[in-house]
Each structure stands twice: as C-alpha cells, then as structure tokens.
Amino acid sequence: MALQETMRALADPIRREILNLLKGGRLSAGEISERFPVTAASISRHLSVLREADLIRDKREGKYIYYELNASVLEEIMLFISDLRGEKENA
C-alpha cells in the first residue's frame, strides 16, 4: 500500500466527502459533481487523486463513468490506524 499517497488523498475535505457519498453506492461523475460548489474540472481532479490512491474504482458504462469505494484499501488503512493505536485484532 502506498500509504503516503493514501494519506494525501484523505487530507482534503472534499475528497473525504466524496468517499462519504460513495458509501451509499456508486455514483457517476456528474452526480458527484452536482453536490459540490466547485467546478466539474475540480471534482474530476479530486476523483483522479482518489483513484490514484486506489481508494475508489471507476467503470465506464456508455458515456458515463461510475465511481465506487474500494473497500479493501479502506480496510488496510483501518488496520494501520488500529495498529498505531495499539489495538489488537480479535482472534
């Protein structure tokens, strides 16, 4: 896991809010963009950073691109944070 890239992606509040939106299921770039008071180009860049950090996945369907969470990377981050806190995994 490229932890530094992941943490950089999570540092931005808009990107964290995009991840929160995707908890409810996949969304198109347009559906994501309409929920923020920034340009579509800005949202596109945020999505690119999240994708590069492997926090989200995209899938083209016709003329639309849909985004969804990549739960496996999120689980790795949670394990890392739990380890930092000294929490033990339940056996």
PDB file of N, CA and C in Angstrom:
ATOM      1  N   MET A   1       0.857  -1.188   0.000  1.00  0.00           N
ATOM      2  CA  MET A   1       0.000   0.000   0.000  1.00  0.00           C
ATOM      3  C   MET A   1       0.891   1.236   0.000  1.00  0.00           C
ATOM      4  N   ALA A   2       0.571   2.170  -0.854  1.00  0.00           N
ATOM      5  CA  ALA A   2       1.298   3.432  -0.895  1.00  0.00           C
ATOM      6  C   ALA A   2       0.651   4.365   0.119  1.00  0.00           C
ATOM      7  N   LEU A   3       1.032   4.175   1.372  1.00  0.00           N
ATOM      8  CA  LEU A   3       0.376   4.877   2.473  1.00  0.00           C
ATOM      9  C   LEU A   3       0.465   6.386   2.337  1.00  0.00           C
ATOM     10  N   GLN A   4       1.595   6.893   1.901  1.00  0.00           N
ATOM     11  CA  GLN A   4       1.754   8.339   1.779  1.00  0.00           C
ATOM     12  C   GLN A   4       0.743   8.907   0.784  1.00  0.00           C
ATOM     13  N   GLU A   5       0.573   8.252  -0.340  1.00  0.00           N
ATOM     14  CA  GLU A   5      -0.381   8.697  -1.351  1.00  0.00           C
ATOM     15  C   GLU A   5      -1.815   8.616  -0.815  1.00  0.00           C
ATOM     16  N   THR A   6      -2.103   7.567  -0.076  1.00  0.00           N
ATOM     17  CA  THR A   6      -3.433   7.397   0.504  1.00  0.00           C
ATOM     18  C   THR A   6      -3.728   8.499   1.512  1.00  0.00           C
ATOM     19  N   MET A   7      -2.786   8.777   2.384  1.00  0.00           N
ATOM     20  CA  MET A   7      -2.989   9.819   3.388  1.00  0.00           C
ATOM     21  C   MET A   7      -3.134  11.188   2.737  1.00  0.00           C
ATOM     22  N   ARG A   8      -2.370  11.436   1.688  1.00  0.00           N
ATOM     23  CA  ARG A   8      -2.501  12.713   0.958  1.00  0.00           C
ATOM     24  C   ARG A   8      -3.895  12.838   0.374  1.00  0.00           C
ATOM     25  N   ALA A   9      -4.407  11.752  -0.173  1.00  0.00           N
ATOM     26  CA  ALA A   9      -5.751  11.773  -0.755  1.00  0.00           C
ATOM     27  C   ALA A   9      -6.804  12.039   0.316  1.00  0.00           C
ATOM     28  N   LEU A  10      -6.610  11.472   1.498  1.00  0.00           N
ATOM     29  CA  LEU A  10      -7.576  11.636   2.582  1.00  0.00           C
ATOM     30  C   LEU A  10      -7.478  12.995   3.271  1.00  0.00           C
ATOM     31  N   ALA A  11      -6.410  13.726   3.033  1.00  0.00           N
ATOM     32  CA  ALA A  11      -6.197  15.005   3.717  1.00  0.00           C
ATOM     33  C   ALA A  11      -7.173  16.087   3.272  1.00  0.00           C
ATOM     34  N   ASP A  12      -7.738  15.955   2.100  1.00  0.00           N
ATOM     35  CA  ASP A  12      -8.615  17.004   1.567  1.00  0.00           C
ATOM     36  C   ASP A  12     -10.073  16.764   1.960  1.00  0.00           C
ATOM     37  N   PRO A  13     -10.758  17.787   2.496  1.00  0.00           N
ATOM     38  CA  PRO A  13     -12.148  17.599   2.942  1.00  0.00           C
ATOM     39  C   PRO A  13     -13.116  17.254   1.811  1.00  0.00           C
ATOM     40  N   ILE A  14     -12.888  17.767   0.619  1.00  0.00           N
ATOM     41  CA  ILE A  14     -13.783  17.422  -0.497  1.00  0.00           C
ATOM     42  C   ILE A  14     -13.631  15.952  -0.844  1.00  0.00           C
ATOM     43  N   ARG A  15     -12.397  15.460  -0.845  1.00  0.00           N
ATOM     44  CA  ARG A  15     -12.193  14.045  -1.161  1.00  0.00           C
ATOM     45  C   ARG A  15     -12.798  13.147  -0.086  1.00  0.00           C
ATOM     46  N   ARG A  16     -12.694  13.570   1.171  1.00  0.00           N
ATOM     47  CA  ARG A  16     -13.336  12.780   2.233  1.00  0.00           C
ATOM     48  C   ARG A  16     -14.850  12.775   2.062  1.00  0.00           C
ATOM     49  N   GLU A  17     -15.421  13.889   1.658  1.00  0.00           N
ATOM     50  CA  GLU A  17     -16.868  13.948   1.446  1.00  0.00           C
ATOM     51  C   GLU A  17     -17.277  13.087   0.244  1.00  0.00           C
ATOM     52  N   ILE A  18     -16.452  13.053  -0.791  1.00  0.00           N
ATOM     53  CA  ILE A  18     -16.733  12.169  -1.936  1.00  0.00           C
ATOM     54  C   ILE A  18     -16.779  10.719  -1.457  1.00  0.00           C
ATOM     55  N   LEU A  19     -15.828  10.320  -0.621  1.00  0.00           N
ATOM     56  CA  LEU A  19     -15.828   8.960  -0.085  1.00  0.00           C
ATOM     57  C   LEU A  19     -17.098   8.700   0.723  1.00  0.00           C
ATOM     58  N   ASN A  20     -17.524   9.686   1.519  1.00  0.00           N
ATOM     59  CA  ASN A  20     -18.772   9.540   2.282  1.00  0.00           C
ATOM     60  C   ASN A  20     -19.967   9.354   1.358  1.00  0.00           C
ATOM     61  N   LEU A  21     -20.011  10.094   0.265  1.00  0.00           N
ATOM     62  CA  LEU A  21     -21.104   9.945  -0.697  1.00  0.00           C
ATOM     63  C   LEU A  21     -21.118   8.540  -1.287  1.00  0.00           C
ATOM     64  N   LEU A  22     -19.939   8.020  -1.584  1.00  0.00           N
ATOM     65  CA  LEU A  22     -19.843   6.709  -2.223  1.00  0.00           C
ATOM     66  C   LEU A  22     -20.148   5.562  -1.266  1.00  0.00           C
ATOM     67  N   LYS A  23     -20.225   5.845   0.028  1.00  0.00           N
ATOM     68  CA  LYS A  23     -20.651   4.802   0.981  1.00  0.00           C
ATOM     69  C   LYS A  23     -22.052   4.324   0.637  1.00  0.00           C
ATOM     70  N   GLY A  24     -22.858   5.215   0.074  1.00  0.00           N
ATOM     71  CA  GLY A  24     -24.232   4.877  -0.267  1.00  0.00           C
ATOM     72  C   GLY A  24     -24.367   4.114  -1.575  1.00  0.00           C
ATOM     73  N   GLY A  25     -23.277   3.895  -2.269  1.00  0.00           N
ATOM     74  CA  GLY A  25     -23.312   3.175  -3.543  1.00  0.00           C
ATOM     75  C   GLY A  25     -22.642   3.983  -4.640  1.00  0.00           C
ATOM     76  N   ARG A  26     -22.523   3.382  -5.774  1.00  0.00           N
ATOM     77  CA  ARG A  26     -21.798   4.018  -6.872  1.00  0.00           C
ATOM     78  C   ARG A  26     -22.542   5.234  -7.400  1.00  0.00           C
ATOM     79  N   LEU A  27     -21.765   6.183  -7.881  1.00  0.00           N
ATOM     80  CA  LEU A  27     -22.317   7.416  -8.444  1.00  0.00           C
ATOM     81  C   LEU A  27     -21.527   7.784  -9.692  1.00  0.00           C
ATOM     82  N   SER A  28     -22.187   8.475 -10.601  1.00  0.00           N
ATOM     83  CA  SER A  28     -21.483   8.975 -11.778  1.00  0.00           C
ATOM     84  C   SER A  28     -20.725  10.239 -11.409  1.00  0.00           C
ATOM     85  N   ALA A  29     -19.788  10.623 -12.254  1.00  0.00           N
ATOM     86  CA  ALA A  29     -19.025  11.845 -12.011  1.00  0.00           C
ATOM     87  C   ALA A  29     -19.965  13.039 -11.934  1.00  0.00           C
ATOM     88  N   GLY A  30     -20.976  13.076 -12.784  1.00  0.00           N
ATOM     89  CA  GLY A  30     -21.937  14.174 -12.770  1.00  0.00           C
ATOM     90  C   GLY A  30     -22.735  14.230 -11.483  1.00  0.00           C
ATOM     91  N   GLU A  31     -23.149  13.072 -10.983  1.00  0.00           N
ATOM     92  CA  GLU A  31     -23.895  13.021  -9.722  1.00  0.00           C
ATOM     93  C   GLU A  31     -23.039  13.514  -8.553  1.00  0.00           C
ATOM     94  N   ILE A  32     -21.763  13.181  -8.584  1.00  0.00           N
ATOM     95  CA  ILE A  32     -20.848  13.644  -7.542  1.00  0.00           C
ATOM     96  C   ILE A  32     -20.641  15.148  -7.679  1.00  0.00           C
ATOM     97  N   SER A  33     -20.381  15.597  -8.879  1.00  0.00           N
ATOM     98  CA  SER A  33     -20.075  16.995  -9.140  1.00  0.00           C
ATOM     99  C   SER A  33     -21.203  17.934  -8.734  1.00  0.00           C
ATOM    100  N   GLU A  34     -22.443  17.522  -8.935  1.00  0.00           N
ATOM    101  CA  GLU A  34     -23.567  18.412  -8.637  1.00  0.00           C
ATOM    102  C   GLU A  34     -23.759  18.650  -7.138  1.00  0.00           C
ATOM    103  N   ARG A  35     -23.075  17.912  -6.319  1.00  0.00           N
ATOM    104  CA  ARG A  35     -23.203  18.057  -4.857  1.00  0.00           C
ATOM    105  C   ARG A  35     -22.169  18.993  -4.239  1.00  0.00           C
ATOM    106  N   PHE A  36     -21.307  19.579  -5.078  1.00  0.00           N
ATOM    107  CA  PHE A  36     -20.242  20.438  -4.571  1.00  0.00           C
ATOM    108  C   PHE A  36     -20.251  21.789  -5.288  1.00  0.00           C
ATOM    109  N   PRO A  37     -19.899  22.848  -4.556  1.00  0.00           N
ATOM    110  CA  PRO A  37     -19.871  24.187  -5.159  1.00  0.00           C
ATOM    111  C   PRO A  37     -18.536  24.509  -5.837  1.00  0.00           C
ATOM    112  N   VAL A  38     -17.981  23.531  -6.531  1.00  0.00           N
ATOM    113  CA  VAL A  38     -16.729  23.720  -7.269  1.00  0.00           C
ATOM    114  C   VAL A  38     -16.955  23.246  -8.702  1.00  0.00           C
ATOM    115  N   THR A  39     -16.017  23.538  -9.566  1.00  0.00           N
ATOM    116  CA  THR A  39     -16.169  23.175 -10.976  1.00  0.00           C
ATOM    117  C   THR A  39     -16.089  21.663 -11.181  1.00  0.00           C
ATOM    118  N   ALA A  40     -16.651  21.230 -12.290  1.00  0.00           N
ATOM    119  CA  ALA A  40     -16.570  19.817 -12.649  1.00  0.00           C
ATOM    120  C   ALA A  40     -15.113  19.404 -12.845  1.00  0.00           C
ATOM    121  N   ALA A  41     -14.289  20.302 -13.359  1.00  0.00           N
ATOM    122  CA  ALA A  41     -12.867  20.003 -13.546  1.00  0.00           C
ATOM    123  C   ALA A  41     -12.189  19.760 -12.193  1.00  0.00           C
ATOM    124  N   SER A  42     -12.577  20.522 -11.187  1.00  0.00           N
ATOM    125  CA  SER A  42     -12.012  20.335  -9.851  1.00  0.00           C
ATOM    126  C   SER A  42     -12.415  18.974  -9.289  1.00  0.00           C
ATOM    127  N   ILE A  43     -13.679  18.612  -9.446  1.00  0.00           N
ATOM    128  CA  ILE A  43     -14.143  17.296  -8.975  1.00  0.00           C
ATOM    129  C   ILE A  43     -13.424  16.189  -9.728  1.00  0.00           C
ATOM    130  N   SER A  44     -13.222  16.385 -11.014  1.00  0.00           N
ATOM    131  CA  SER A  44     -12.502  15.396 -11.816  1.00  0.00           C
ATOM    132  C   SER A  44     -11.099  15.171 -11.267  1.00  0.00           C
ATOM    133  N   ARG A  45     -10.443  16.245 -10.858  1.00  0.00           N
ATOM    134  CA  ARG A  45      -9.095  16.121 -10.287  1.00  0.00           C
ATOM    135  C   ARG A  45      -9.134  15.392  -8.948  1.00  0.00           C
ATOM    136  N   HIS A  46     -10.132  15.715  -8.112  1.00  0.00           N
ATOM    137  CA  HIS A  46     -10.275  15.014  -6.831  1.00  0.00           C
ATOM    138  C   HIS A  46     -10.506  13.518  -7.061  1.00  0.00           C
ATOM    139  N   LEU A  47     -11.342  13.181  -8.038  1.00  0.00           N
ATOM    140  CA  LEU A  47     -11.607  11.774  -8.348  1.00  0.00           C
ATOM    141  C   LEU A  47     -10.332  11.086  -8.828  1.00  0.00           C
ATOM    142  N   SER A  48      -9.541  11.805  -9.601  1.00  0.00           N
ATOM    143  CA  SER A  48      -8.277  11.250 -10.090  1.00  0.00           C
ATOM    144  C   SER A  48      -7.323  10.943  -8.939  1.00  0.00           C
ATOM    145  N   VAL A  49      -7.240  11.853  -7.971  1.00  0.00           N
ATOM    146  CA  VAL A  49      -6.362  11.633  -6.808  1.00  0.00           C
ATOM    147  C   VAL A  49      -6.850  10.425  -6.008  1.00  0.00           C
ATOM    148  N   LEU A  50      -8.151  10.326  -5.807  1.00  0.00           N
ATOM    149  CA  LEU A  50      -8.711   9.180  -5.077  1.00  0.00           C
ATOM    150  C   LEU A  50      -8.464   7.872  -5.823  1.00  0.00           C
ATOM    151  N   ARG A  51      -8.578   7.909  -7.139  1.00  0.00           N
ATOM    152  CA  ARG A  51      -8.343   6.712  -7.952  1.00  0.00           C
ATOM    153  C   ARG A  51      -6.871   6.308  -7.908  1.00  0.00           C
ATOM    154  N   GLU A  52      -5.967   7.302  -7.998  1.00  0.00           N
ATOM    155  CA  GLU A  52      -4.531   7.021  -7.935  1.00  0.00           C
ATOM    156  C   GLU A  52      -4.138   6.416  -6.590  1.00  0.00           C
ATOM    157  N   ALA A  53      -4.839   6.814  -5.536  1.00  0.00           N
ATOM    158  CA  ALA A  53      -4.582   6.260  -4.198  1.00  0.00           C
ATOM    159  C   ALA A  53      -5.308   4.935  -4.012  1.00  0.00           C
ATOM    160  N   ASP A  54      -6.019   4.493  -5.024  1.00  0.00           N
ATOM    161  CA  ASP A  54      -6.757   3.228  -5.025  1.00  0.00           C
ATOM    162  C   ASP A  54      -7.886   3.201  -3.995  1.00  0.00           C
ATOM    163  N   LEU A  55      -8.386   4.388  -3.627  1.00  0.00           N
ATOM    164  CA  LEU A  55      -9.494   4.466  -2.679  1.00  0.00           C
ATOM    165  C   LEU A  55     -10.846   4.284  -3.369  1.00  0.00           C
ATOM    166  N   ILE A  56     -10.875   4.551  -4.679  1.00  0.00           N
ATOM    167  CA  ILE A  56     -12.095   4.352  -5.451  1.00  0.00           C
ATOM    168  C   ILE A  56     -11.753   3.621  -6.743  1.00  0.00           C
ATOM    169  N   ARG A  57     -12.777   3.046  -7.327  1.00  0.00           N
ATOM    170  CA  ARG A  57     -12.655   2.389  -8.630  1.00  0.00           C
ATOM    171  C   ARG A  57     -13.637   3.057  -9.575  1.00  0.00           C
ATOM    172  N   ASP A  58     -13.308   3.039 -10.853  1.00  0.00           N
ATOM    173  CA  ASP A  58     -14.225   3.597 -11.833  1.00  0.00           C
ATOM    174  C   ASP A  58     -14.547   2.566 -12.899  1.00  0.00           C
ATOM    175  N   LYS A  59     -15.741   2.721 -13.468  1.00  0.00           N
ATOM    176  CA  LYS A  59     -16.183   1.818 -14.522  1.00  0.00           C
ATOM    177  C   LYS A  59     -16.994   2.613 -15.527  1.00  0.00           C
ATOM    178  N   ARG A  60     -16.576   2.537 -16.787  1.00  0.00           N
ATOM    179  CA  ARG A  60     -17.291   3.237 -17.839  1.00  0.00           C
ATOM    180  C   ARG A  60     -18.474   2.391 -18.301  1.00  0.00           C
ATOM    181  N   GLU A  61     -19.621   3.038 -18.387  1.00  0.00           N
ATOM    182  CA  GLU A  61     -20.823   2.411 -18.936  1.00  0.00           C
ATOM    183  C   GLU A  61     -21.429   3.389 -19.913  1.00  0.00           C
ATOM    184  N   GLY A  62     -21.244   3.103 -21.207  1.00  0.00           N
ATOM    185  CA  GLY A  62     -21.699   4.036 -22.222  1.00  0.00           C
ATOM    186  C   GLY A  62     -20.915   5.331 -22.118  1.00  0.00           C
ATOM    187  N   LYS A  63     -21.623   6.436 -22.028  1.00  0.00           N
ATOM    188  CA  LYS A  63     -20.939   7.728 -21.946  1.00  0.00           C
ATOM    189  C   LYS A  63     -20.681   8.183 -20.510  1.00  0.00           C
ATOM    190  N   TYR A  64     -21.041   7.355 -19.537  1.00  0.00           N
ATOM    191  CA  TYR A  64     -20.873   7.721 -18.135  1.00  0.00           C
ATOM    192  C   TYR A  64     -19.759   6.906 -17.480  1.00  0.00           C
ATOM    193  N   ILE A  65     -19.131   7.533 -16.495  1.00  0.00           N
ATOM    194  CA  ILE A  65     -18.150   6.833 -15.662  1.00  0.00           C
ATOM    195  C   ILE A  65     -18.731   6.797 -14.256  1.00  0.00           C
ATOM    196  N   TYR A  66     -18.804   5.605 -13.694  1.00  0.00           N
ATOM    197  CA  TYR A  66     -19.326   5.432 -12.339  1.00  0.00           C
ATOM    198  C   TYR A  66     -18.179   5.129 -11.389  1.00  0.00           C
ATOM    199  N   TYR A  67     -18.292   5.677 -10.192  1.00  0.00           N
ATOM    200  CA  TYR A  67     -17.265   5.513  -9.170  1.00  0.00           C
ATOM    201  C   TYR A  67     -17.842   4.778  -7.980  1.00  0.00           C
ATOM    202  N   GLU A  68     -16.998   3.948  -7.356  1.00  0.00           N
ATOM    203  CA  GLU A  68     -17.397   3.234  -6.146  1.00  0.00           C
ATOM    204  C   GLU A  68     -16.193   3.103  -5.238  1.00  0.00           C
ATOM    205  N   LEU A  69     -16.472   2.886  -3.945  1.00  0.00           N
ATOM    206  CA  LEU A  69     -15.399   2.711  -2.970  1.00  0.00           C
ATOM    207  C   LEU A  69     -14.619   1.437  -3.230  1.00  0.00           C
ATOM    208  N   ASN A  70     -13.343   1.471  -2.928  1.00  0.00           N
ATOM    209  CA  ASN A  70     -12.514   0.273  -2.920  1.00  0.00           C
ATOM    210  C   ASN A  70     -12.333  -0.098  -1.449  1.00  0.00           C
ATOM    211  N   ALA A  71     -13.203  -0.942  -0.957  1.00  0.00           N
ATOM    212  CA  ALA A  71     -13.244  -1.269   0.474  1.00  0.00           C
ATOM    213  C   ALA A  71     -11.951  -1.916   0.965  1.00  0.00           C
ATOM    214  N   SER A  72     -11.260  -2.654   0.128  1.00  0.00           N
ATOM    215  CA  SER A  72     -10.061  -3.347   0.599  1.00  0.00           C
ATOM    216  C   SER A  72      -8.979  -2.367   1.034  1.00  0.00           C
ATOM    217  N   VAL A  73      -8.810  -1.279   0.320  1.00  0.00           N
ATOM    218  CA  VAL A  73      -7.810  -0.285   0.713  1.00  0.00           C
ATOM    219  C   VAL A  73      -8.240   0.415   1.997  1.00  0.00           C
ATOM    220  N   LEU A  74      -9.524   0.698   2.115  1.00  0.00           N
ATOM    221  CA  LEU A  74     -10.027   1.325   3.343  1.00  0.00           C
ATOM    222  C   LEU A  74      -9.802   0.410   4.546  1.00  0.00           C
ATOM    223  N   GLU A  75      -9.973  -0.887   4.361  1.00  0.00           N
ATOM    224  CA  GLU A  75      -9.729  -1.836   5.450  1.00  0.00           C
ATOM    225  C   GLU A  75      -8.254  -1.836   5.849  1.00  0.00           C
ATOM    226  N   GLU A  76      -7.355  -1.753   4.871  1.00  0.00           N
ATOM    227  CA  GLU A  76      -5.919  -1.700   5.172  1.00  0.00           C
ATOM    228  C   GLU A  76      -5.584  -0.461   5.989  1.00  0.00           C
ATOM    229  N   ILE A  77      -6.197   0.662   5.652  1.00  0.00           N
ATOM    230  CA  ILE A  77      -5.954   1.904   6.388  1.00  0.00           C
ATOM    231  C   ILE A  77      -6.438   1.758   7.827  1.00  0.00           C
ATOM    232  N   MET A  78      -7.616   1.164   7.998  1.00  0.00           N
ATOM    233  CA  MET A  78      -8.157   0.977   9.347  1.00  0.00           C
ATOM    234  C   MET A  78      -7.246   0.070  10.173  1.00  0.00           C
ATOM    235  N   LEU A  79      -6.724  -0.968   9.564  1.00  0.00           N
ATOM    236  CA  LEU A  79      -5.799  -1.855  10.277  1.00  0.00           C
ATOM    237  C   LEU A  79      -4.525  -1.109  10.676  1.00  0.00           C
ATOM    238  N   PHE A  80      -4.025  -0.273   9.774  1.00  0.00           N
ATOM    239  CA  PHE A  80      -2.834   0.510  10.067  1.00  0.00           C
ATOM    240  C   PHE A  80      -3.086   1.445  11.251  1.00  0.00           C
ATOM    241  N   ILE A  81      -4.207   2.153  11.230  1.00  0.00           N
ATOM    242  CA  ILE A  81      -4.537   3.084  12.313  1.00  0.00           C
ATOM    243  C   ILE A  81      -4.754   2.334  13.619  1.00  0.00           C
ATOM    244  N   SER A  82      -5.440   1.202  13.565  1.00  0.00           N
ATOM    245  CA  SER A  82      -5.645   0.393  14.771  1.00  0.00           C
ATOM    246  C   SER A  82      -4.309  -0.052  15.353  1.00  0.00           C
ATOM    247  N   ASP A  83      -3.377  -0.432  14.480  1.00  0.00           N
ATOM    248  CA  ASP A  83      -2.059  -0.855  14.924  1.00  0.00           C
ATOM    249  C   ASP A  83      -1.314   0.303  15.598  1.00  0.00           C
ATOM    250  N   LEU A  84      -1.455   1.500  15.047  1.00  0.00           N
ATOM    251  CA  LEU A  84      -0.820   2.669  15.652  1.00  0.00           C
ATOM    252  C   LEU A  84      -1.371   2.941  17.049  1.00  0.00           C
ATOM    253  N   ARG A  85      -2.656   2.701  17.202  1.00  0.00           N
ATOM    254  CA  ARG A  85      -3.301   2.936  18.490  1.00  0.00           C
ATOM    255  C   ARG A  85      -3.004   1.807  19.487  1.00  0.00           C
ATOM    256  N   GLY A  86      -2.389   0.742  19.012  1.00  0.00           N
ATOM    257  CA  GLY A  86      -2.053  -0.370  19.883  1.00  0.00           C
ATOM    258  C   GLY A  86      -3.208  -1.338  20.076  1.00  0.00           C
ATOM    259  N   GLU A  87      -4.218  -1.244  19.211  1.00  0.00           N
ATOM    260  CA  GLU A  87      -5.363  -2.150  19.326  1.00  0.00           C
ATOM    261  C   GLU A  87      -4.980  -3.507  18.749  1.00  0.00           C
ATOM    262  N   LYS A  88      -5.449  -4.542  19.389  1.00  0.00           N
ATOM    263  CA  LYS A  88      -5.190  -5.896  18.923  1.00  0.00           C
ATOM    264  C   LYS A  88      -6.377  -6.399  18.120  1.00  0.00           C
ATOM    265  N   GLU A  89      -6.064  -7.179  17.071  1.00  0.00           N
ATOM    266  CA  GLU A  89      -7.135  -7.804  16.290  1.00  0.00           C
ATOM    267  C   GLU A  89      -7.820  -8.856  17.135  1.00  0.00           C
ATOM    268  N   ASN A  90      -9.117  -8.982  16.942  1.00  0.00           N
ATOM    269  CA  ASN A  90      -9.856 -10.054  17.633  1.00  0.00           C
ATOM    270  C   ASN A  90      -9.518 -11.371  16.963  1.00  0.00           C
ATOM    271  N   ALA A  91      -9.083 -12.333  17.744  1.00  0.00           N
ATOM    272  CA  ALA A  91      -8.680 -13.632  17.182  1.00  0.00           C
ATOM    273  C   ALA A  91      -9.861 -14.537  17.010  1.00  0.00           C
TER     274      ALA A  91
END
